[in-house]
Amino acid sequence: MVDIDLQEKLVFTAFFIGAIVCLGLSFTFHTVSCHSELDYCGIALLIMGSFVPWLYYGFYCDFQPKLIYLTAVVVLGSTTIIVSLWDKFSTPKYRPLRAVVFLTFGMSGIIPALHYTLVEGMNLAITKASLGWLILMGVLYVMGALLYAVRIPERWFPGKCDLWFHSHQLFHILVIAAAFVHYHGISEMAMYRLTHGDCAAELPELQVSDPL
């Protein structure tokens, strides 16, 4: 049986808390229909929670960039939550702005992903950092945000999607799908770390020259 360190559990806990809070607040909003700010804050928390395990495992042996990126995530996430609590933010007029805010926050993950790929190479980015799953997650988030922003399909079928298959529902479906994809990706990263050991195991063997 593999022993899992506390910090390994904490990074996954951050992701699970983000997902549970997001879905819980969304359920609350759609049930009572009077606190849309909760829905938006939940999405921001899910994005924040999703960043934590990927950055932890992606920069497992590089403390400084990991700390910088995690700090940036906290700052951007907190800013997004503050903006979400602004009363006018939930009005129909600012619907495109809402999509842009969350899309920008989510797509900021491109920066650490590019950093990792440039330093480690594409092969390790795919096998070690689950870049393929990260890209798929991003595609699902972008699709959801775009459908939400431009109100597809209800703009094409007025009155036909009031109860089912309107853009907000599709957005949440894609967010949930993205969360499952991300979970699979970070699980692969965790298994790689558990099977390949700590950072010391990745250091090249010292070449000791013969003094003679």
N, C-alpha and C. Protein backbone atom coordinates (compact mmCIF):
# COMPACT_ATOMS: atom_id res chain seq x y z
N MET A 1 0.85 -1.21 0.00
CA MET A 1 0.00 0.00 0.00
C MET A 1 0.88 1.25 0.00
N VAL A 2 0.55 2.23 -0.86
CA VAL A 2 1.35 3.44 -1.00
C VAL A 2 0.94 4.46 0.06
N ASP A 3 1.93 4.97 0.78
CA ASP A 3 1.66 6.03 1.76
C ASP A 3 1.53 7.36 1.04
N ILE A 4 0.47 8.08 1.31
CA ILE A 4 0.24 9.38 0.67
C ILE A 4 0.47 10.47 1.70
N ASP A 5 1.37 11.40 1.38
CA ASP A 5 1.70 12.48 2.30
C ASP A 5 0.51 13.42 2.47
N LEU A 6 0.55 14.16 3.58
CA LEU A 6 -0.54 15.09 3.89
C LEU A 6 -0.71 16.14 2.80
N GLN A 7 0.42 16.68 2.30
CA GLN A 7 0.30 17.73 1.28
C GLN A 7 -0.33 17.22 -0.01
N GLU A 8 -0.12 15.92 -0.30
CA GLU A 8 -0.74 15.33 -1.48
C GLU A 8 -2.27 15.32 -1.31
N LYS A 9 -2.70 15.01 -0.10
CA LYS A 9 -4.14 14.99 0.18
C LYS A 9 -4.73 16.39 0.15
N LEU A 10 -3.95 17.36 0.62
CA LEU A 10 -4.45 18.74 0.70
C LEU A 10 -4.70 19.33 -0.68
N VAL A 11 -3.79 19.04 -1.64
CA VAL A 11 -3.97 19.63 -2.97
C VAL A 11 -5.21 19.06 -3.66
N PHE A 12 -5.49 17.78 -3.44
CA PHE A 12 -6.72 17.21 -3.99
C PHE A 12 -7.94 17.72 -3.24
N THR A 13 -7.76 17.95 -1.94
CA THR A 13 -8.86 18.51 -1.14
C THR A 13 -9.26 19.88 -1.66
N ALA A 14 -8.27 20.69 -2.05
CA ALA A 14 -8.56 22.02 -2.61
C ALA A 14 -9.42 21.90 -3.85
N PHE A 15 -9.10 20.92 -4.70
CA PHE A 15 -9.89 20.72 -5.92
C PHE A 15 -11.30 20.26 -5.59
N PHE A 16 -11.42 19.29 -4.69
CA PHE A 16 -12.75 18.77 -4.33
C PHE A 16 -13.61 19.84 -3.66
N ILE A 17 -12.99 20.63 -2.79
CA ILE A 17 -13.74 21.71 -2.14
C ILE A 17 -14.26 22.70 -3.18
N GLY A 18 -13.38 23.07 -4.13
CA GLY A 18 -13.79 23.99 -5.18
C GLY A 18 -14.96 23.44 -5.98
N ALA A 19 -14.90 22.15 -6.33
CA ALA A 19 -15.97 21.54 -7.13
C ALA A 19 -17.26 21.44 -6.33
N ILE A 20 -17.16 21.00 -5.08
CA ILE A 20 -18.35 20.83 -4.24
C ILE A 20 -19.01 22.18 -3.95
N VAL A 21 -18.19 23.18 -3.62
CA VAL A 21 -18.74 24.51 -3.33
C VAL A 21 -19.38 25.10 -4.58
N CYS A 22 -18.73 24.93 -5.72
CA CYS A 22 -19.27 25.45 -6.98
C CYS A 22 -20.65 24.86 -7.26
N LEU A 23 -20.75 23.54 -7.20
CA LEU A 23 -22.02 22.89 -7.49
C LEU A 23 -23.06 23.18 -6.41
N GLY A 24 -22.59 23.27 -5.15
CA GLY A 24 -23.51 23.56 -4.06
C GLY A 24 -24.10 24.95 -4.16
N LEU A 25 -23.25 25.94 -4.46
CA LEU A 25 -23.74 27.31 -4.60
C LEU A 25 -24.61 27.45 -5.83
N SER A 26 -24.26 26.73 -6.90
CA SER A 26 -25.09 26.76 -8.10
C SER A 26 -26.47 26.19 -7.80
N PHE A 27 -26.52 25.09 -7.05
CA PHE A 27 -27.80 24.50 -6.67
C PHE A 27 -28.62 25.49 -5.83
N THR A 28 -27.93 26.17 -4.91
CA THR A 28 -28.62 27.15 -4.06
C THR A 28 -29.21 28.27 -4.90
N PHE A 29 -28.40 28.78 -5.86
CA PHE A 29 -28.88 29.86 -6.71
C PHE A 29 -30.09 29.44 -7.53
N HIS A 30 -30.00 28.28 -8.16
CA HIS A 30 -31.09 27.84 -9.03
C HIS A 30 -32.31 27.39 -8.25
N THR A 31 -32.14 27.13 -6.97
CA THR A 31 -33.28 26.73 -6.14
C THR A 31 -34.04 27.95 -5.64
N VAL A 32 -33.31 28.93 -5.10
CA VAL A 32 -33.97 30.10 -4.53
C VAL A 32 -34.02 31.27 -5.50
N SER A 33 -33.18 31.24 -6.55
CA SER A 33 -33.20 32.24 -7.62
C SER A 33 -33.10 33.67 -7.13
N CYS A 34 -32.26 33.91 -6.14
CA CYS A 34 -32.14 35.29 -5.66
C CYS A 34 -30.71 35.65 -5.29
N HIS A 35 -29.79 34.75 -5.47
CA HIS A 35 -28.40 35.03 -5.10
C HIS A 35 -27.46 34.57 -6.21
N SER A 36 -27.54 35.23 -7.35
CA SER A 36 -26.70 34.83 -8.48
C SER A 36 -25.22 34.99 -8.17
N GLU A 37 -24.89 35.90 -7.21
CA GLU A 37 -23.49 36.09 -6.84
C GLU A 37 -22.88 34.79 -6.33
N LEU A 38 -23.68 33.96 -5.67
CA LEU A 38 -23.19 32.68 -5.17
C LEU A 38 -22.75 31.79 -6.32
N ASP A 39 -23.52 31.80 -7.39
CA ASP A 39 -23.21 30.98 -8.55
C ASP A 39 -21.85 31.38 -9.13
N TYR A 40 -21.62 32.67 -9.27
CA TYR A 40 -20.38 33.16 -9.86
C TYR A 40 -19.19 32.92 -8.93
N CYS A 41 -19.39 33.12 -7.64
CA CYS A 41 -18.31 32.87 -6.67
C CYS A 41 -17.92 31.39 -6.68
N GLY A 42 -18.91 30.53 -6.82
CA GLY A 42 -18.63 29.10 -6.87
C GLY A 42 -17.78 28.72 -8.06
N ILE A 43 -18.05 29.33 -9.21
CA ILE A 43 -17.25 29.06 -10.41
C ILE A 43 -15.81 29.51 -10.20
N ALA A 44 -15.64 30.69 -9.59
CA ALA A 44 -14.29 31.20 -9.31
C ALA A 44 -13.54 30.27 -8.37
N LEU A 45 -14.22 29.74 -7.36
CA LEU A 45 -13.59 28.81 -6.42
C LEU A 45 -13.21 27.50 -7.10
N LEU A 46 -14.03 27.04 -8.04
CA LEU A 46 -13.71 25.82 -8.77
C LEU A 46 -12.45 26.01 -9.61
N ILE A 47 -12.34 27.16 -10.27
CA ILE A 47 -11.15 27.44 -11.07
C ILE A 47 -9.92 27.50 -10.19
N MET A 48 -10.04 28.18 -9.05
CA MET A 48 -8.92 28.26 -8.11
C MET A 48 -8.51 26.87 -7.63
N GLY A 49 -9.50 26.08 -7.24
CA GLY A 49 -9.21 24.74 -6.75
C GLY A 49 -8.60 23.84 -7.81
N SER A 50 -8.96 24.08 -9.08
CA SER A 50 -8.41 23.28 -10.17
C SER A 50 -6.94 23.60 -10.42
N PHE A 51 -6.57 24.85 -10.22
CA PHE A 51 -5.18 25.24 -10.43
C PHE A 51 -4.23 24.58 -9.44
N VAL A 52 -4.67 24.45 -8.18
CA VAL A 52 -3.77 24.03 -7.09
C VAL A 52 -3.07 22.70 -7.36
N PRO A 53 -3.79 21.60 -7.62
CA PRO A 53 -3.08 20.33 -7.82
C PRO A 53 -2.20 20.31 -9.06
N TRP A 54 -2.64 20.97 -10.14
CA TRP A 54 -1.80 20.95 -11.35
C TRP A 54 -0.50 21.70 -11.11
N LEU A 55 -0.57 22.86 -10.48
CA LEU A 55 0.65 23.61 -10.19
C LEU A 55 1.53 22.87 -9.19
N TYR A 56 0.92 22.21 -8.24
CA TYR A 56 1.68 21.47 -7.22
C TYR A 56 2.49 20.35 -7.87
N TYR A 57 1.85 19.56 -8.72
CA TYR A 57 2.55 18.44 -9.35
C TYR A 57 3.38 18.88 -10.55
N GLY A 58 2.88 19.87 -11.30
CA GLY A 58 3.61 20.33 -12.46
C GLY A 58 4.96 20.93 -12.11
N PHE A 59 4.99 21.70 -11.02
CA PHE A 59 6.24 22.32 -10.57
C PHE A 59 6.66 21.72 -9.23
N TYR A 60 6.54 20.41 -9.16
CA TYR A 60 6.80 19.68 -7.92
C TYR A 60 8.19 19.95 -7.38
N CYS A 61 9.17 20.03 -8.25
CA CYS A 61 10.57 20.20 -7.83
C CYS A 61 11.06 21.64 -8.03
N ASP A 62 10.17 22.54 -8.40
CA ASP A 62 10.55 23.94 -8.63
C ASP A 62 9.69 24.83 -7.73
N PHE A 63 10.18 25.07 -6.54
CA PHE A 63 9.37 25.76 -5.53
C PHE A 63 9.04 27.20 -5.93
N GLN A 64 10.02 27.94 -6.45
CA GLN A 64 9.80 29.36 -6.72
C GLN A 64 8.69 29.61 -7.74
N PRO A 65 8.75 29.00 -8.95
CA PRO A 65 7.64 29.25 -9.89
C PRO A 65 6.30 28.74 -9.37
N LYS A 66 6.34 27.64 -8.62
CA LYS A 66 5.10 27.12 -8.04
C LYS A 66 4.48 28.14 -7.10
N LEU A 67 5.30 28.74 -6.25
CA LEU A 67 4.81 29.74 -5.30
C LEU A 67 4.28 30.96 -6.03
N ILE A 68 5.00 31.40 -7.05
CA ILE A 68 4.58 32.58 -7.82
C ILE A 68 3.23 32.34 -8.49
N TYR A 69 3.09 31.20 -9.14
CA TYR A 69 1.84 30.90 -9.84
C TYR A 69 0.67 30.70 -8.87
N LEU A 70 0.92 30.04 -7.76
CA LEU A 70 -0.15 29.85 -6.77
C LEU A 70 -0.60 31.18 -6.18
N THR A 71 0.37 32.08 -5.95
CA THR A 71 0.03 33.41 -5.45
C THR A 71 -0.81 34.17 -6.48
N ALA A 72 -0.42 34.06 -7.75
CA ALA A 72 -1.16 34.73 -8.81
C ALA A 72 -2.59 34.19 -8.90
N VAL A 73 -2.75 32.88 -8.71
CA VAL A 73 -4.08 32.27 -8.75
C VAL A 73 -4.95 32.82 -7.63
N VAL A 74 -4.38 32.93 -6.44
CA VAL A 74 -5.14 33.46 -5.30
C VAL A 74 -5.56 34.90 -5.55
N VAL A 75 -4.64 35.71 -6.09
CA VAL A 75 -4.94 37.11 -6.37
C VAL A 75 -6.02 37.23 -7.44
N LEU A 76 -5.85 36.51 -8.55
CA LEU A 76 -6.83 36.56 -9.64
C LEU A 76 -8.19 36.02 -9.18
N GLY A 77 -8.15 34.92 -8.42
CA GLY A 77 -9.40 34.34 -7.94
C GLY A 77 -10.13 35.26 -6.98
N SER A 78 -9.39 35.87 -6.07
CA SER A 78 -10.00 36.81 -5.12
C SER A 78 -10.59 38.01 -5.85
N THR A 79 -9.87 38.50 -6.86
CA THR A 79 -10.36 39.63 -7.66
C THR A 79 -11.65 39.25 -8.38
N THR A 80 -11.67 38.04 -8.94
CA THR A 80 -12.87 37.57 -9.64
C THR A 80 -14.06 37.47 -8.70
N ILE A 81 -13.82 36.98 -7.49
CA ILE A 81 -14.90 36.87 -6.51
C ILE A 81 -15.42 38.25 -6.11
N ILE A 82 -14.49 39.20 -5.91
CA ILE A 82 -14.89 40.56 -5.54
C ILE A 82 -15.74 41.18 -6.64
N VAL A 83 -15.32 41.00 -7.91
CA VAL A 83 -16.08 41.53 -9.03
C VAL A 83 -17.45 40.84 -9.10
N SER A 84 -17.49 39.54 -8.79
CA SER A 84 -18.74 38.79 -8.83
C SER A 84 -19.76 39.30 -7.82
N LEU A 85 -19.27 39.87 -6.72
CA LEU A 85 -20.16 40.38 -5.67
C LEU A 85 -20.71 41.76 -6.00
N TRP A 86 -20.22 42.37 -7.07
CA TRP A 86 -20.74 43.66 -7.52
C TRP A 86 -22.15 43.45 -8.05
N ASP A 87 -23.11 44.24 -7.57
CA ASP A 87 -24.52 44.04 -7.90
C ASP A 87 -24.79 44.04 -9.40
N LYS A 88 -24.22 44.99 -10.12
CA LYS A 88 -24.49 45.11 -11.55
C LYS A 88 -23.90 43.95 -12.36
N PHE A 89 -22.95 43.23 -11.76
CA PHE A 89 -22.28 42.15 -12.48
C PHE A 89 -23.26 41.06 -12.90
N SER A 90 -24.32 40.87 -12.13
CA SER A 90 -25.28 39.79 -12.40
C SER A 90 -26.41 40.21 -13.33
N THR A 91 -26.42 41.46 -13.79
CA THR A 91 -27.48 41.93 -14.67
C THR A 91 -27.23 41.46 -16.11
N PRO A 92 -28.30 41.33 -16.91
CA PRO A 92 -28.15 40.87 -18.30
C PRO A 92 -27.18 41.72 -19.13
N LYS A 93 -27.10 43.01 -18.81
CA LYS A 93 -26.22 43.91 -19.56
C LYS A 93 -24.77 43.46 -19.50
N TYR A 94 -24.38 42.89 -18.38
CA TYR A 94 -22.98 42.51 -18.17
C TYR A 94 -22.73 41.02 -18.39
N ARG A 95 -23.64 40.36 -19.07
CA ARG A 95 -23.48 38.93 -19.36
C ARG A 95 -22.18 38.65 -20.12
N PRO A 96 -21.88 39.39 -21.21
CA PRO A 96 -20.60 39.15 -21.90
C PRO A 96 -19.39 39.40 -21.00
N LEU A 97 -19.49 40.42 -20.13
CA LEU A 97 -18.38 40.71 -19.22
C LEU A 97 -18.15 39.53 -18.27
N ARG A 98 -19.23 38.92 -17.80
CA ARG A 98 -19.10 37.76 -16.91
C ARG A 98 -18.33 36.64 -17.61
N ALA A 99 -18.70 36.40 -18.85
CA ALA A 99 -18.02 35.34 -19.61
C ALA A 99 -16.54 35.66 -19.79
N VAL A 100 -16.24 36.93 -20.10
CA VAL A 100 -14.84 37.34 -20.31
C VAL A 100 -14.03 37.21 -19.03
N VAL A 101 -14.61 37.61 -17.90
CA VAL A 101 -13.90 37.54 -16.62
C VAL A 101 -13.51 36.11 -16.28
N PHE A 102 -14.46 35.20 -16.37
CA PHE A 102 -14.18 33.80 -16.02
C PHE A 102 -13.31 33.12 -17.07
N LEU A 103 -13.52 33.50 -18.32
CA LEU A 103 -12.69 32.94 -19.39
C LEU A 103 -11.24 33.37 -19.23
N THR A 104 -11.04 34.65 -18.89
CA THR A 104 -9.68 35.16 -18.70
C THR A 104 -9.00 34.49 -17.52
N PHE A 105 -9.73 34.33 -16.43
CA PHE A 105 -9.18 33.67 -15.25
C PHE A 105 -8.79 32.23 -15.57
N GLY A 106 -9.69 31.52 -16.22
CA GLY A 106 -9.40 30.13 -16.56
C GLY A 106 -8.26 29.98 -17.54
N MET A 107 -8.24 30.84 -18.56
CA MET A 107 -7.21 30.73 -19.60
C MET A 107 -5.86 31.24 -19.13
N SER A 108 -5.80 31.86 -17.97
CA SER A 108 -4.50 32.28 -17.43
C SER A 108 -3.61 31.06 -17.16
N GLY A 109 -4.23 29.88 -17.11
CA GLY A 109 -3.46 28.66 -16.93
C GLY A 109 -2.56 28.35 -18.11
N ILE A 110 -2.77 29.03 -19.24
CA ILE A 110 -1.89 28.83 -20.40
C ILE A 110 -0.46 29.23 -20.06
N ILE A 111 -0.30 30.25 -19.23
CA ILE A 111 1.04 30.76 -18.92
C ILE A 111 1.90 29.71 -18.21
N PRO A 112 1.45 29.12 -17.07
CA PRO A 112 2.28 28.08 -16.47
C PRO A 112 2.42 26.84 -17.34
N ALA A 113 1.40 26.53 -18.15
CA ALA A 113 1.49 25.37 -19.04
C ALA A 113 2.58 25.59 -20.10
N LEU A 114 2.63 26.80 -20.66
CA LEU A 114 3.69 27.13 -21.62
C LEU A 114 5.05 27.12 -20.95
N HIS A 115 5.12 27.65 -19.75
CA HIS A 115 6.36 27.65 -18.98
C HIS A 115 6.88 26.22 -18.83
N TYR A 116 6.00 25.34 -18.40
CA TYR A 116 6.41 23.95 -18.19
C TYR A 116 6.86 23.31 -19.51
N THR A 117 6.11 23.55 -20.57
CA THR A 117 6.42 22.94 -21.86
C THR A 117 7.76 23.43 -22.40
N LEU A 118 8.03 24.72 -22.26
CA LEU A 118 9.29 25.28 -22.75
C LEU A 118 10.48 24.75 -21.97
N VAL A 119 10.30 24.54 -20.68
CA VAL A 119 11.41 24.07 -19.83
C VAL A 119 11.62 22.57 -19.96
N GLU A 120 10.53 21.81 -19.93
CA GLU A 120 10.63 20.34 -19.89
C GLU A 120 10.48 19.67 -21.25
N GLY A 121 9.87 20.38 -22.21
CA GLY A 121 9.64 19.77 -23.52
C GLY A 121 8.24 19.21 -23.65
N MET A 122 7.79 19.09 -24.90
CA MET A 122 6.42 18.65 -25.17
C MET A 122 6.17 17.22 -24.69
N ASN A 123 7.15 16.34 -24.86
CA ASN A 123 6.94 14.94 -24.48
C ASN A 123 6.65 14.81 -22.98
N LEU A 124 7.45 15.46 -22.15
CA LEU A 124 7.23 15.40 -20.70
C LEU A 124 5.96 16.15 -20.31
N ALA A 125 5.64 17.21 -21.04
CA ALA A 125 4.42 17.97 -20.74
C ALA A 125 3.19 17.09 -20.91
N ILE A 126 3.24 16.19 -21.89
CA ILE A 126 2.10 15.30 -22.14
C ILE A 126 2.10 14.11 -21.19
N THR A 127 3.27 13.48 -21.01
CA THR A 127 3.33 12.26 -20.20
C THR A 127 3.38 12.53 -18.70
N LYS A 128 3.99 13.63 -18.32
CA LYS A 128 4.23 13.90 -16.91
C LYS A 128 3.28 14.96 -16.34
N ALA A 129 2.87 15.90 -17.18
CA ALA A 129 2.03 17.01 -16.71
C ALA A 129 0.61 16.97 -17.28
N SER A 130 0.26 15.87 -17.94
CA SER A 130 -1.12 15.68 -18.44
C SER A 130 -1.59 16.87 -19.27
N LEU A 131 -0.71 17.36 -20.15
CA LEU A 131 -1.05 18.54 -20.94
C LEU A 131 -2.26 18.30 -21.83
N GLY A 132 -2.37 17.08 -22.38
CA GLY A 132 -3.50 16.77 -23.24
C GLY A 132 -4.83 16.91 -22.52
N TRP A 133 -4.90 16.40 -21.28
CA TRP A 133 -6.12 16.53 -20.49
C TRP A 133 -6.37 17.98 -20.09
N LEU A 134 -5.29 18.72 -19.85
CA LEU A 134 -5.43 20.13 -19.51
C LEU A 134 -6.02 20.92 -20.68
N ILE A 135 -5.56 20.60 -21.88
CA ILE A 135 -6.07 21.27 -23.07
C ILE A 135 -7.55 20.94 -23.28
N LEU A 136 -7.90 19.66 -23.10
CA LEU A 136 -9.30 19.26 -23.25
C LEU A 136 -10.18 19.98 -22.24
N MET A 137 -9.70 20.08 -21.00
CA MET A 137 -10.45 20.81 -19.98
C MET A 137 -10.66 22.26 -20.41
N GLY A 138 -9.61 22.90 -20.93
CA GLY A 138 -9.71 24.28 -21.37
C GLY A 138 -10.71 24.44 -22.50
N VAL A 139 -10.72 23.49 -23.43
CA VAL A 139 -11.67 23.54 -24.55
C VAL A 139 -13.10 23.48 -24.04
N LEU A 140 -13.35 22.61 -23.07
CA LEU A 140 -14.70 22.49 -22.50
C LEU A 140 -15.12 23.77 -21.79
N TYR A 141 -14.20 24.37 -21.04
CA TYR A 141 -14.51 25.63 -20.36
C TYR A 141 -14.80 26.75 -21.37
N VAL A 142 -13.98 26.82 -22.42
CA VAL A 142 -14.17 27.87 -23.43
C VAL A 142 -15.50 27.69 -24.14
N MET A 143 -15.81 26.45 -24.50
CA MET A 143 -17.10 26.19 -25.15
C MET A 143 -18.26 26.62 -24.26
N GLY A 144 -18.18 26.28 -22.98
CA GLY A 144 -19.24 26.67 -22.06
C GLY A 144 -19.38 28.17 -21.94
N ALA A 145 -18.25 28.86 -21.83
CA ALA A 145 -18.28 30.32 -21.68
C ALA A 145 -18.83 30.99 -22.94
N LEU A 146 -18.46 30.49 -24.11
CA LEU A 146 -18.93 31.08 -25.36
C LEU A 146 -20.44 30.85 -25.54
N LEU A 147 -20.90 29.64 -25.24
CA LEU A 147 -22.33 29.37 -25.34
C LEU A 147 -23.11 30.28 -24.40
N TYR A 148 -22.56 30.48 -23.20
CA TYR A 148 -23.21 31.34 -22.20
C TYR A 148 -23.22 32.79 -22.65
N ALA A 149 -22.10 33.26 -23.20
CA ALA A 149 -21.97 34.67 -23.58
C ALA A 149 -22.89 35.05 -24.73
N VAL A 150 -22.99 34.16 -25.73
CA VAL A 150 -23.78 34.50 -26.92
C VAL A 150 -25.18 33.88 -26.89
N ARG A 151 -25.51 33.20 -25.79
CA ARG A 151 -26.84 32.64 -25.56
C ARG A 151 -27.27 31.67 -26.65
N ILE A 152 -26.44 30.69 -26.88
CA ILE A 152 -26.77 29.61 -27.80
C ILE A 152 -27.19 28.39 -26.97
N PRO A 153 -28.30 27.73 -27.27
CA PRO A 153 -29.10 27.83 -28.52
C PRO A 153 -30.36 28.68 -28.43
N GLU A 154 -30.66 29.30 -27.27
CA GLU A 154 -31.95 29.98 -27.14
C GLU A 154 -32.10 31.15 -28.10
N ARG A 155 -30.99 31.74 -28.54
CA ARG A 155 -31.11 32.84 -29.49
C ARG A 155 -31.54 32.33 -30.86
N TRP A 156 -31.28 31.05 -31.13
CA TRP A 156 -31.69 30.45 -32.39
C TRP A 156 -33.11 29.88 -32.32
N PHE A 157 -33.52 29.51 -31.11
CA PHE A 157 -34.85 28.90 -30.92
C PHE A 157 -35.58 29.62 -29.80
N PRO A 158 -36.02 30.85 -30.03
CA PRO A 158 -36.69 31.63 -28.97
C PRO A 158 -37.90 30.90 -28.40
N GLY A 159 -37.94 30.81 -27.07
CA GLY A 159 -39.06 30.18 -26.40
C GLY A 159 -39.02 28.66 -26.36
N LYS A 160 -38.07 28.05 -27.07
CA LYS A 160 -37.99 26.59 -27.13
C LYS A 160 -37.05 26.00 -26.07
N CYS A 161 -36.20 26.84 -25.49
CA CYS A 161 -35.19 26.33 -24.55
C CYS A 161 -35.31 26.98 -23.17
N ASP A 162 -36.53 27.39 -22.83
CA ASP A 162 -36.71 28.07 -21.55
C ASP A 162 -36.50 27.14 -20.36
N LEU A 163 -36.87 25.86 -20.53
CA LEU A 163 -36.76 24.91 -19.42
C LEU A 163 -35.56 23.97 -19.58
N TRP A 164 -35.28 23.57 -20.81
CA TRP A 164 -34.22 22.59 -21.04
C TRP A 164 -33.28 23.06 -22.15
N PHE A 165 -32.01 22.74 -21.97
CA PHE A 165 -30.97 22.95 -22.99
C PHE A 165 -30.70 24.41 -23.31
N HIS A 166 -30.97 25.31 -22.37
CA HIS A 166 -30.56 26.69 -22.62
C HIS A 166 -29.08 26.85 -22.26
N SER A 167 -28.50 27.98 -22.61
CA SER A 167 -27.05 28.16 -22.52
C SER A 167 -26.51 27.99 -21.11
N HIS A 168 -27.26 28.43 -20.11
CA HIS A 168 -26.77 28.33 -18.74
C HIS A 168 -26.66 26.87 -18.31
N GLN A 169 -27.62 26.06 -18.72
CA GLN A 169 -27.56 24.63 -18.40
C GLN A 169 -26.39 23.97 -19.12
N LEU A 170 -26.22 24.29 -20.39
CA LEU A 170 -25.11 23.72 -21.16
C LEU A 170 -23.77 24.14 -20.57
N PHE A 171 -23.72 25.38 -20.10
CA PHE A 171 -22.50 25.88 -19.47
C PHE A 171 -22.13 25.02 -18.26
N HIS A 172 -23.12 24.75 -17.41
CA HIS A 172 -22.86 23.95 -16.21
C HIS A 172 -22.49 22.50 -16.57
N ILE A 173 -23.13 21.96 -17.59
CA ILE A 173 -22.79 20.60 -18.02
C ILE A 173 -21.34 20.53 -18.47
N LEU A 174 -20.91 21.52 -19.24
CA LEU A 174 -19.53 21.53 -19.73
C LEU A 174 -18.55 21.78 -18.59
N VAL A 175 -18.94 22.59 -17.60
CA VAL A 175 -18.08 22.82 -16.44
C VAL A 175 -17.88 21.52 -15.66
N ILE A 176 -18.97 20.77 -15.48
CA ILE A 176 -18.86 19.49 -14.77
C ILE A 176 -17.99 18.52 -15.55
N ALA A 177 -18.20 18.47 -16.87
CA ALA A 177 -17.37 17.59 -17.71
C ALA A 177 -15.90 17.98 -17.61
N ALA A 178 -15.64 19.28 -17.61
CA ALA A 178 -14.26 19.77 -17.50
C ALA A 178 -13.65 19.38 -16.16
N ALA A 179 -14.46 19.42 -15.10
CA ALA A 179 -13.96 19.04 -13.77
C ALA A 179 -13.56 17.57 -13.73
N PHE A 180 -14.36 16.70 -14.37
CA PHE A 180 -14.02 15.28 -14.42
C PHE A 180 -12.75 15.05 -15.24
N VAL A 181 -12.64 15.76 -16.35
CA VAL A 181 -11.43 15.65 -17.19
C VAL A 181 -10.21 16.09 -16.40
N HIS A 182 -10.35 17.19 -15.69
CA HIS A 182 -9.23 17.71 -14.90
C HIS A 182 -8.85 16.73 -13.79
N TYR A 183 -9.84 16.14 -13.16
CA TYR A 183 -9.56 15.16 -12.10
C TYR A 183 -8.76 13.98 -12.65
N HIS A 184 -9.14 13.53 -13.84
CA HIS A 184 -8.39 12.43 -14.45
C HIS A 184 -6.95 12.84 -14.71
N GLY A 185 -6.77 14.05 -15.21
CA GLY A 185 -5.42 14.53 -15.51
C GLY A 185 -4.55 14.65 -14.28
N ILE A 186 -5.07 15.26 -13.22
CA ILE A 186 -4.25 15.43 -12.02
C ILE A 186 -4.03 14.10 -11.30
N SER A 187 -4.96 13.15 -11.49
CA SER A 187 -4.76 11.82 -10.92
C SER A 187 -3.58 11.13 -11.60
N GLU A 188 -3.46 11.31 -12.92
CA GLU A 188 -2.32 10.75 -13.64
C GLU A 188 -1.02 11.40 -13.17
N MET A 189 -1.05 12.70 -12.92
CA MET A 189 0.14 13.39 -12.43
C MET A 189 0.53 12.88 -11.05
N ALA A 190 -0.46 12.65 -10.21
CA ALA A 190 -0.19 12.15 -8.86
C ALA A 190 0.40 10.74 -8.91
N MET A 191 -0.14 9.89 -9.78
CA MET A 191 0.37 8.53 -9.91
C MET A 191 1.80 8.53 -10.43
N TYR A 192 2.09 9.43 -11.35
CA TYR A 192 3.46 9.54 -11.86
C TYR A 192 4.41 9.88 -10.72
N ARG A 193 4.01 10.82 -9.88
CA ARG A 193 4.88 11.24 -8.78
C ARG A 193 5.05 10.11 -7.76
N LEU A 194 3.97 9.39 -7.48
CA LEU A 194 4.04 8.30 -6.51
C LEU A 194 4.91 7.15 -7.01
N THR A 195 4.90 6.91 -8.31
CA THR A 195 5.66 5.79 -8.85
C THR A 195 7.10 6.14 -9.20
N HIS A 196 7.40 7.43 -9.37
CA HIS A 196 8.75 7.84 -9.75
C HIS A 196 9.54 8.45 -8.59
N GLY A 197 8.94 8.54 -7.43
CA GLY A 197 9.67 9.04 -6.28
C GLY A 197 9.71 10.55 -6.20
N ASP A 198 10.53 11.03 -5.24
CA ASP A 198 10.60 12.47 -5.00
C ASP A 198 11.59 13.13 -5.96
N CYS A 199 11.88 14.39 -5.71
CA CYS A 199 12.74 15.15 -6.61
C CYS A 199 14.15 14.58 -6.69
N ALA A 200 14.65 14.06 -5.57
CA ALA A 200 16.01 13.53 -5.55
C ALA A 200 16.17 12.39 -6.55
N ALA A 201 15.10 11.64 -6.79
CA ALA A 201 15.16 10.51 -7.71
C ALA A 201 15.33 10.96 -9.15
N GLU A 202 15.01 12.23 -9.44
CA GLU A 202 15.11 12.73 -10.81
C GLU A 202 16.44 13.40 -11.10
N LEU A 203 17.24 13.61 -10.06
CA LEU A 203 18.52 14.26 -10.27
C LEU A 203 19.46 13.33 -11.00
N PRO A 204 20.21 13.82 -11.97
CA PRO A 204 21.16 12.96 -12.68
C PRO A 204 22.27 12.51 -11.75
N GLU A 205 22.74 11.33 -12.00
CA GLU A 205 23.82 10.82 -11.17
C GLU A 205 25.06 11.67 -11.35
N LEU A 206 25.75 11.91 -10.24
CA LEU A 206 26.95 12.73 -10.28
C LEU A 206 28.06 11.99 -11.01
N GLN A 207 28.70 12.68 -11.90
CA GLN A 207 29.82 12.12 -12.63
C GLN A 207 31.10 12.41 -11.86
N VAL A 208 31.64 11.40 -11.22
CA VAL A 208 32.84 11.57 -10.42
C VAL A 208 34.04 11.18 -11.25
N SER A 209 34.92 12.12 -11.48
CA SER A 209 36.10 11.86 -12.31
C SER A 209 37.19 11.22 -11.48
N ASP A 210 38.00 10.45 -12.13
CA ASP A 210 39.12 9.79 -11.47
C ASP A 210 40.22 10.80 -11.23
N PRO A 211 40.56 11.06 -9.96
CA PRO A 211 41.58 12.08 -9.68
C PRO A 211 42.94 11.72 -10.25
N LEU A 212 43.10 10.46 -10.60
CA LEU A 212 44.37 10.05 -11.17
C LEU A 212 44.32 10.14 -12.69
